[in-house]
Every structure is written in C-alpha cells, then in structure tokens.
Amino acid sequence: MAFDRLADLSLSIDDVTIERLERETSSGFTRVTTEIALAGSNGDDTTVVGRGEDVTYETDDHDALAETGLPDLTGEYTHDSFSSHLESVDLFPAGPPDREVFRNYRRWGVESAALDLALRQAGTDIASELGRSLEPVRFVASTRLGEPPTTDRLETLRERVPDLECKLDPIPEWDAELVADIVGTVGPDGVRILDLKGQYEGTDVDVPADPELYALVLEAFPEAVLEDPALTEETRPLFDDPDVRRRVSWDAPIHGIDDIEALPWEPDWLNVKPSRFGSLESLLETIAYCDERDIRLYGGGQFELGVGRGQIQLLASLCYPDGPNDVAPRAYNDAELDTSLLTSPLEPPTEPSGFRWSDGGPD
C-alpha cells in the first residue's frame, strides 16, 4: 500500500504559523484560503518548513482561524501517528464550520504540510518515497462564461493558448446559440469536461437538474466527460445509454472508497480533489482502488492561492498525468488574464523536494 511507504517518516514540529491569502477570481468572487506552515529542526542547526493549504470556502472560517490560530501541534511523531493525532484535534477552535466537509479541507491542509515537512526533514521527496516518476501534466482550463453567458473569456483564452482544452459549467441560461458559439470557438473536442454541478446542495454553485440543458450539451460535445449529473426522473433516461454512462464522472460525492461503492453504477471516471479525503491515507487508498478497477482519474482544483495548487499538480504528475486535469496554473483563474500563460502539459520539477511542485514561481 502506498501510504505504508510514508507512514513511518519521522516528523518533528517546533512551530506552527498560518497566513491568510486573498485574491480576486475569474468567477467573480474573492477567494480566501489559509496557508499552513509547520517548522522543525533538520537534525542540525537549521530549520525546515513544510507547507499546506486550507481551501475551506467560507471566508468567515478563515477570518476566525486568523484570530484563534491552530491548536498546539508541536511534538515528535511519525507521519502515521500525526495523522492519527489529528482525529482527536478540533481544527475549528472558534466554532464548527458551515459545512462538515470543511473539516476534511482543513485537515488536508495540515496533513499535507506535515508530509512536506517530514519529507524535507528526511531529505527526500514524495515521488522517490512512492517509487513513482514525475510525468508532464496535461491540464484543462476551467472557466465560467458569466451572466449572461458569452464566449468572450473563451475567445481570449484561445487567443493566448490556441490549443487550450477547457472545462465548462453549463447553466440553464445556456441555449443552442451559445453552445454553437462555444463549438465555433474551441471546437466540439476542445471542451474536455462539462461540470453539471448536479450533486451540490445548499452552495452558491448548485445547478438544478435540467433535462433540456443536459440533452443539448450531450449532443453538442459528444466526447466530453460529464461531471456530477443530477439523476432525476426527467434526467435519468439520458444516462440509460451505456455509451453516455461511460462518459460520466463524479466529484462532489467522493470522499473515499465507500462513496465510490455507493454510486448508482461503477464509474469510468472520477475527479480527485485531495482535500475532500481529509487524510493522505484515504486519498492514496482511493487512488489504488481506482487503479485496480481501471477507473480513470483526473485532478480537480479549488481556486488554491498558495502551495496547494502545486500539490494537486504534483499528485496529478505522479498518479494521473494524462487525464483532463483541472489543475491549470493559478494565472488561469485571475480576473484579468496575463498576456503570457503556461501551456499544457506542465513539465515536472527537475529537482523535486518534499511535497511541493516547486519552492517558488507560478504553480
């Protein structure tokens, strides 16, 4: 098991600090995250730092954390014992989060920082410890089309990166004319993922089941992966076709193996967002489970502002480099697009260290 290769890494934490990050996004909201830094001795007179990122979506949770700080996490551990210790630690000391899944998000931020620190203290990196090679990462750019929706941003992206592949979020305001404009801009194969967002409840991104919308985009983009459809009496008949089912992927419901086994049919695709799993052990167990069953994977992003973006790129490089990974460099999420954007695939670091894509520069 992959986690066994990391479980016994020694971990010494002397100090815990956090930094609140904030940035405007292309989706019209202000993203706030918290970068977590765990510092410890390198076995001599030097100190090394491991970093992770809490991608909890509620700004109030980050503001509260900035006031309280994290509980005391200092001490001597193995990575396994530290992960077990987190089971009994309340990482929301100011009060429970708005959504229970945010506990996993924050735990992942802390545990990924601990892994980064343990690897650096051992003078190694995650690829070496797992016995895997780092491969170039194919990525897609995820973008919304605004309200009312237009292809303006898509056209700008394609001007910057002519062969760019995309992940789009259909909404009920899409009509046949807009879909024809999208196809004219990027081609029917240029849209790799259609995120139907039918599995969210009580969030700002919920999209109600719409059989007419589903039928429209299924026909217009015959090769696109169909992420998180809502299966209702009206929409389910669209997914009775085995060829359509093979295009379906799941994201929001997936927090571990039990969730995969509870899906309405065995999936061909899954979106892997590490923060949803909470622990490294659960994440690696799930990836192994999918590899054994030939379930295709791709990485998912959550508007990471700090080291977390590079970490999801690193996992994609190690485990699913050829998927339509929603891990484009952060510049793709900026409200104002840079004139120069990195192109797919992303080349992996030549001198990897710890659990990071890089120690500086754009992720």
Protein backbone atom coordinates (compact mmCIF):
# COMPACT_ATOMS: atom_id res chain seq x y z
CA MET A 1 0.00 0.00 0.00
CA ALA A 2 1.34 3.45 -0.97
CA PHE A 3 0.63 5.01 2.42
CA ASP A 4 2.87 2.42 4.12
CA ARG A 5 5.83 3.94 2.27
CA LEU A 6 5.18 7.27 4.01
CA ALA A 7 3.68 6.24 7.34
CA ASP A 8 6.96 5.79 9.23
CA LEU A 9 8.57 9.07 8.15
CA SER A 10 9.78 10.92 11.26
CA LEU A 11 8.20 14.30 11.91
CA SER A 12 9.38 16.93 14.36
CA ILE A 13 7.25 20.08 14.71
CA ASP A 14 8.60 23.03 16.70
CA ASP A 15 6.37 25.82 15.46
CA VAL A 16 3.04 26.35 13.66
CA THR A 17 2.15 29.51 11.76
CA ILE A 18 -0.63 30.46 9.34
CA GLU A 19 -1.08 33.10 6.64
CA ARG A 20 -4.40 34.31 5.24
CA LEU A 21 -4.35 34.60 1.43
CA GLU A 22 -6.83 36.55 -0.72
CA ARG A 23 -7.30 37.03 -4.45
CA GLU A 24 -9.99 38.06 -6.94
CA THR A 25 -11.00 35.28 -9.31
CA SER A 26 -12.30 34.90 -12.84
CA SER A 27 -15.57 33.55 -11.42
CA GLY A 28 -16.43 36.88 -9.87
CA PHE A 29 -15.79 36.16 -6.21
CA THR A 30 -12.99 36.89 -3.76
CA ARG A 31 -11.18 33.67 -2.85
CA VAL A 32 -9.69 33.38 0.62
CA THR A 33 -7.54 30.47 1.79
CA THR A 34 -5.07 29.86 4.61
CA GLU A 35 -1.53 28.62 4.10
CA ILE A 36 -0.25 26.50 6.98
CA ALA A 37 3.46 26.32 7.84
CA LEU A 38 4.94 23.68 10.16
CA ALA A 39 8.57 24.28 11.10
CA GLY A 40 11.01 21.85 12.62
CA SER A 41 14.69 21.03 13.01
CA ASN A 42 16.54 19.46 10.14
CA GLY A 43 18.69 17.40 12.52
CA ASP A 44 21.39 20.08 12.72
CA ASP A 45 21.25 23.79 13.41
CA THR A 46 18.91 24.54 10.52
CA THR A 47 15.12 24.70 10.39
CA VAL A 48 12.97 23.46 7.53
CA VAL A 49 9.34 24.33 6.83
CA GLY A 50 6.52 22.19 5.48
CA ARG A 51 3.55 23.92 3.88
CA GLY A 52 -0.05 23.07 3.09
CA GLU A 53 -3.22 25.00 2.25
CA ASP A 54 -6.68 25.03 3.80
CA VAL A 55 -9.14 25.52 0.93
CA THR A 56 -12.29 25.88 3.04
CA TYR A 57 -14.68 28.03 1.02
CA GLU A 58 -16.17 30.27 3.73
CA THR A 59 -14.22 33.48 4.29
CA ASP A 60 -15.56 33.70 7.85
CA ASP A 61 -13.86 30.39 8.71
CA HIS A 62 -10.51 31.77 7.57
CA ASP A 63 -11.03 35.03 9.43
CA ALA A 64 -11.85 33.10 12.61
CA LEU A 65 -8.75 30.95 12.18
CA ALA A 66 -6.62 34.07 11.77
CA GLU A 67 -7.91 35.19 15.18
CA THR A 68 -7.54 31.91 17.07
CA GLY A 69 -4.70 30.17 15.29
CA LEU A 70 -4.48 26.39 15.13
CA PRO A 71 -4.32 24.20 18.24
CA ASP A 72 -0.88 23.18 19.52
CA LEU A 73 0.53 20.62 17.08
CA THR A 74 4.16 20.67 18.20
CA GLY A 75 5.88 17.44 19.13
CA GLU A 76 7.60 14.35 17.82
CA TYR A 77 5.65 11.99 15.56
CA THR A 78 5.72 9.68 12.62
CA HIS A 79 3.51 10.80 9.77
CA ASP A 80 1.11 8.00 10.67
CA SER A 81 0.93 8.93 14.34
CA PHE A 82 0.46 12.61 13.44
CA SER A 83 -2.41 11.69 11.13
CA SER A 84 -3.98 9.65 13.93
CA HIS A 85 -3.48 12.56 16.34
CA LEU A 86 -5.48 14.83 14.04
CA GLU A 87 -8.51 12.58 14.56
CA SER A 88 -8.78 13.95 18.10
CA VAL A 89 -7.91 17.59 17.40
CA ASP A 90 -10.56 20.24 16.72
CA LEU A 91 -9.11 22.31 13.88
CA PHE A 92 -12.03 24.75 14.11
CA PRO A 93 -11.47 26.12 17.63
CA ALA A 94 -13.71 29.16 17.02
CA GLY A 95 -16.75 27.01 16.33
CA PRO A 96 -17.96 24.36 13.86
CA PRO A 97 -17.68 25.08 10.13
CA ASP A 98 -20.66 25.93 7.99
CA ARG A 99 -20.34 22.58 6.16
CA GLU A 100 -18.99 19.39 7.69
CA VAL A 101 -16.79 18.61 4.68
CA PHE A 102 -14.72 21.69 5.55
CA ARG A 103 -13.23 19.66 8.39
CA ASN A 104 -11.64 17.46 5.73
CA TYR A 105 -10.43 20.51 3.82
CA ARG A 106 -8.61 21.95 6.83
CA ARG A 107 -7.28 18.58 7.90
CA TRP A 108 -5.82 18.07 4.43
CA GLY A 109 -4.13 21.47 4.68
CA VAL A 110 -2.49 20.47 7.97
CA GLU A 111 -1.63 16.92 6.93
CA SER A 112 -0.14 17.96 3.61
CA ALA A 113 2.06 20.48 5.46
CA ALA A 114 3.15 17.68 7.81
CA LEU A 115 4.00 15.43 4.86
CA ASP A 116 6.01 18.21 3.22
CA LEU A 117 7.92 18.78 6.45
CA ALA A 118 8.59 15.09 7.13
CA LEU A 119 9.90 14.56 3.60
CA ARG A 120 12.16 17.60 3.85
CA GLN A 121 13.47 16.54 7.24
CA ALA A 122 14.34 13.18 5.67
CA GLY A 123 15.97 14.89 2.69
CA THR A 124 13.66 13.27 0.18
CA ASP A 125 10.53 13.86 -1.89
CA ILE A 126 7.19 12.13 -2.39
CA ALA A 127 8.00 10.70 -5.82
CA SER A 128 11.10 8.96 -4.51
CA GLU A 129 9.30 7.58 -1.47
CA LEU A 130 6.39 6.24 -3.52
CA GLY A 131 8.68 4.83 -6.21
CA ARG A 132 6.85 6.74 -8.93
CA SER A 133 8.16 9.03 -11.65
CA LEU A 134 7.01 12.58 -12.19
CA GLU A 135 5.42 12.97 -15.62
CA PRO A 136 4.32 16.04 -17.60
CA VAL A 137 0.80 17.05 -16.53
CA ARG A 138 -1.90 17.59 -19.11
CA PHE A 139 -4.31 20.25 -17.89
CA VAL A 140 -7.53 21.95 -18.89
CA ALA A 141 -8.63 25.47 -18.05
CA SER A 142 -11.79 25.78 -16.01
CA THR A 143 -13.80 28.91 -16.66
CA ARG A 144 -17.33 30.18 -16.28
CA LEU A 145 -18.93 32.17 -19.06
CA GLY A 146 -20.52 34.92 -16.97
CA GLU A 147 -24.10 36.10 -16.55
CA PRO A 148 -25.46 36.47 -19.12
CA PRO A 149 -23.09 33.84 -20.57
CA THR A 150 -20.87 34.75 -23.52
CA THR A 151 -17.79 33.25 -25.15
CA ASP A 152 -15.70 36.38 -24.51
CA ARG A 153 -13.34 34.78 -21.97
CA LEU A 154 -13.06 31.60 -24.03
CA GLU A 155 -12.04 33.65 -27.05
CA THR A 156 -9.39 35.46 -25.00
CA LEU A 157 -8.05 32.18 -23.63
CA ARG A 158 -7.86 30.69 -27.10
CA GLU A 159 -6.04 33.77 -28.38
CA ARG A 160 -3.43 33.30 -25.64
CA VAL A 161 -3.24 29.49 -25.94
CA PRO A 162 -4.64 28.33 -29.32
CA ASP A 163 -4.86 24.60 -28.49
CA LEU A 164 -6.16 25.03 -24.94
CA GLU A 165 -8.69 22.45 -23.72
CA CYS A 166 -11.45 23.55 -21.34
CA LYS A 167 -13.72 22.53 -18.52
CA LEU A 168 -17.03 24.39 -18.60
CA ASP A 169 -20.00 24.65 -16.21
CA PRO A 170 -23.29 24.57 -18.15
CA ILE A 171 -26.15 26.52 -16.57
CA PRO A 172 -29.83 26.81 -17.53
CA GLU A 173 -29.13 30.15 -19.27
CA TRP A 174 -27.18 28.30 -21.97
CA ASP A 175 -29.11 27.98 -25.23
CA ALA A 176 -28.44 26.45 -28.63
CA GLU A 177 -26.98 29.71 -29.98
CA LEU A 178 -24.45 29.98 -27.16
CA VAL A 179 -23.49 26.31 -27.46
CA ALA A 180 -22.93 26.82 -31.20
CA ASP A 181 -20.68 29.80 -30.36
CA ILE A 182 -18.69 27.64 -27.90
CA VAL A 183 -18.22 24.95 -30.54
CA GLY A 184 -17.17 27.63 -33.01
CA THR A 185 -14.60 28.98 -30.54
CA VAL A 186 -12.98 25.78 -29.23
CA GLY A 187 -14.46 23.01 -31.37
CA PRO A 188 -16.53 20.06 -30.08
CA ASP A 189 -13.34 18.35 -28.83
CA GLY A 190 -11.96 21.44 -27.11
CA VAL A 191 -14.35 21.02 -24.19
CA ARG A 192 -13.00 18.06 -22.23
CA ILE A 193 -15.27 18.28 -19.17
CA LEU A 194 -18.82 19.55 -18.67
CA ASP A 195 -19.35 20.08 -14.94
CA LEU A 196 -23.11 19.82 -14.48
CA LYS A 197 -22.83 20.53 -10.72
CA GLY A 198 -25.91 18.48 -10.01
CA GLN A 199 -24.50 16.91 -6.84
CA TYR A 200 -24.15 20.10 -4.81
CA GLU A 201 -26.79 21.11 -2.27
CA GLY A 202 -27.01 24.40 -0.41
CA THR A 203 -23.98 26.02 -2.08
CA ASP A 204 -23.51 29.04 -4.31
CA VAL A 205 -22.72 26.80 -7.29
CA ASP A 206 -25.77 24.49 -7.21
CA VAL A 207 -27.25 23.89 -10.67
CA PRO A 208 -30.72 22.32 -10.79
CA ALA A 209 -31.33 19.27 -12.96
CA ASP A 210 -32.41 20.41 -16.41
CA PRO A 211 -33.11 17.63 -18.95
CA GLU A 212 -33.19 20.09 -21.87
CA LEU A 213 -29.78 21.52 -20.93
CA TYR A 214 -28.34 18.05 -20.43
CA ALA A 215 -29.63 16.86 -23.82
CA LEU A 216 -28.26 19.98 -25.51
CA VAL A 217 -24.70 19.64 -24.23
CA LEU A 218 -24.57 15.83 -24.50
CA GLU A 219 -25.22 16.13 -28.22
CA ALA A 220 -23.01 19.18 -28.85
CA PHE A 221 -19.96 17.77 -27.06
CA PRO A 222 -20.05 14.03 -27.76
CA GLU A 223 -16.61 13.30 -26.29
CA ALA A 224 -16.77 15.45 -23.15
CA VAL A 225 -16.67 13.93 -19.68
CA LEU A 226 -19.98 14.60 -17.89
CA GLU A 227 -19.28 15.51 -14.28
CA ASP A 228 -21.81 15.26 -11.43
CA PRO A 229 -25.16 14.97 -13.21
CA ALA A 230 -28.27 15.08 -11.08
CA LEU A 231 -30.21 11.87 -11.70
CA THR A 232 -33.90 12.64 -11.53
CA GLU A 233 -36.96 11.09 -13.11
CA GLU A 234 -36.56 13.53 -16.01
CA THR A 235 -32.77 13.28 -16.50
CA ARG A 236 -32.08 9.60 -15.74
CA PRO A 237 -33.30 8.32 -19.15
CA LEU A 238 -30.47 10.31 -20.78
CA PHE A 239 -27.99 8.14 -18.89
CA ASP A 240 -29.54 4.77 -19.69
CA ASP A 241 -27.33 4.59 -22.78
CA PRO A 242 -24.12 2.69 -21.79
CA ASP A 243 -22.02 4.97 -24.02
CA VAL A 244 -23.27 8.02 -22.12
CA ARG A 245 -22.69 6.34 -18.76
CA ARG A 246 -19.08 5.70 -19.72
CA ARG A 247 -18.63 9.45 -20.01
CA VAL A 248 -19.98 10.23 -16.53
CA SER A 249 -17.62 11.33 -13.77
CA TRP A 250 -18.22 12.08 -10.11
CA ASP A 251 -16.68 14.76 -7.93
CA ALA A 252 -18.70 16.30 -5.08
CA PRO A 253 -19.91 13.00 -3.56
CA ILE A 254 -16.45 11.39 -3.42
CA HIS A 255 -14.63 11.45 -0.06
CA GLY A 256 -13.34 7.87 -0.05
CA ILE A 257 -13.89 4.31 -1.24
CA ASP A 258 -17.29 3.95 0.44
CA ASP A 259 -18.63 6.82 -1.66
CA ILE A 260 -17.45 5.18 -4.87
CA GLU A 261 -19.17 1.92 -3.94
CA ALA A 262 -22.39 3.85 -3.21
CA LEU A 263 -22.60 5.37 -6.72
CA PRO A 264 -25.54 4.36 -8.94
CA TRP A 265 -23.17 2.39 -11.22
CA GLU A 266 -19.48 1.56 -11.24
CA PRO A 267 -17.82 4.68 -12.65
CA ASP A 268 -15.42 5.00 -15.55
CA TRP A 269 -14.19 8.44 -14.38
CA LEU A 270 -13.59 10.23 -11.10
CA ASN A 271 -12.40 13.73 -10.23
CA VAL A 272 -9.86 13.60 -7.41
CA LYS A 273 -9.83 16.60 -5.09
CA PRO A 274 -7.36 15.67 -2.30
CA SER A 275 -8.92 17.99 0.26
CA ARG A 276 -12.21 16.08 0.11
CA PHE A 277 -10.47 12.98 1.50
CA GLY A 278 -9.03 14.73 4.54
CA SER A 279 -6.21 12.25 5.15
CA LEU A 280 -3.34 11.15 2.95
CA GLU A 281 -4.14 7.52 3.75
CA SER A 282 -7.73 7.80 2.47
CA LEU A 283 -6.55 9.59 -0.68
CA LEU A 284 -3.90 7.01 -1.55
CA GLU A 285 -6.21 4.10 -0.75
CA THR A 286 -8.82 5.52 -3.11
CA ILE A 287 -6.31 6.09 -5.93
CA ALA A 288 -5.11 2.47 -5.57
CA TYR A 289 -8.73 1.23 -5.56
CA CYS A 290 -9.38 3.06 -8.83
CA ASP A 291 -6.15 1.84 -10.43
CA GLU A 292 -7.13 -1.77 -9.68
CA ARG A 293 -10.51 -1.26 -11.37
CA ASP A 294 -9.33 0.81 -14.34
CA ILE A 295 -11.32 3.83 -13.17
CA ARG A 296 -9.80 6.80 -14.94
CA LEU A 297 -8.81 9.76 -12.78
CA TYR A 298 -8.11 13.43 -13.17
CA GLY A 299 -7.24 16.11 -10.65
CA GLY A 300 -9.61 18.85 -9.56
CA GLY A 301 -8.79 22.36 -8.40
CA GLN A 302 -10.43 24.59 -5.81
CA PHE A 303 -9.01 28.04 -6.60
CA GLU A 304 -5.91 27.36 -4.49
CA LEU A 305 -3.92 30.55 -3.88
CA GLY A 306 -0.77 29.12 -2.32
CA VAL A 307 1.20 25.91 -2.15
CA GLY A 308 -1.94 23.81 -2.52
CA ARG A 309 -2.07 24.41 -6.28
CA GLY A 310 1.37 22.92 -6.77
CA GLN A 311 0.48 19.97 -4.56
CA ILE A 312 -2.52 18.98 -6.69
CA GLN A 313 -0.33 19.36 -9.78
CA LEU A 314 2.25 17.10 -8.14
CA LEU A 315 -0.32 14.40 -7.37
CA ALA A 316 -1.56 14.58 -10.95
CA SER A 317 2.01 14.21 -12.19
CA LEU A 318 2.51 11.12 -10.02
CA CYS A 319 -0.82 9.37 -10.45
CA TYR A 320 -2.90 10.58 -13.42
CA PRO A 321 -0.75 12.81 -15.65
CA ASP A 322 -2.67 12.15 -18.87
CA GLY A 323 -6.15 12.93 -17.51
CA PRO A 324 -8.00 16.16 -18.31
CA ASN A 325 -6.65 17.64 -15.08
CA ASP A 326 -8.37 20.76 -13.77
CA VAL A 327 -5.07 21.97 -12.31
CA ALA A 328 -4.11 24.81 -14.64
CA PRO A 329 -1.58 27.30 -13.25
CA ARG A 330 -3.10 29.91 -10.94
CA ALA A 331 -2.87 32.64 -13.58
CA TYR A 332 -5.74 31.00 -15.46
CA ASN A 333 -8.04 31.83 -12.53
CA ASP A 334 -7.15 35.53 -12.39
CA ALA A 335 -9.90 38.00 -13.18
CA GLU A 336 -7.56 39.70 -15.69
CA LEU A 337 -5.69 37.20 -17.85
CA ASP A 338 -1.95 37.60 -18.28
CA THR A 339 -0.76 38.02 -21.84
CA SER A 340 1.58 35.06 -21.35
CA LEU A 341 0.20 31.79 -19.94
CA LEU A 342 1.95 28.47 -19.38
CA THR A 343 0.77 25.81 -21.80
CA SER A 344 -0.19 22.18 -21.32
CA PRO A 345 1.50 19.90 -20.43
CA LEU A 346 3.26 21.27 -17.36
CA GLU A 347 6.81 20.00 -17.08
CA PRO A 348 7.54 18.48 -13.64
CA PRO A 349 10.30 19.84 -11.40
CA THR A 350 13.77 18.57 -12.23
CA GLU A 351 14.88 18.67 -8.58
CA PRO A 352 11.81 17.78 -6.51
CA SER A 353 11.82 18.31 -2.77
CA GLY A 354 9.28 17.44 -0.11
CA PHE A 355 5.63 17.57 -1.16
CA ARG A 356 5.68 20.60 -3.46
CA TRP A 357 5.67 21.25 -7.17
CA SER A 358 8.26 23.96 -6.60
CA ASP A 359 9.68 26.21 -3.91
CA GLY A 360 8.78 29.33 -5.85
CA GLY A 361 7.35 30.60 -9.11
CA PRO A 362 3.95 30.02 -10.70
CA ASP A 363 2.03 26.86 -9.85
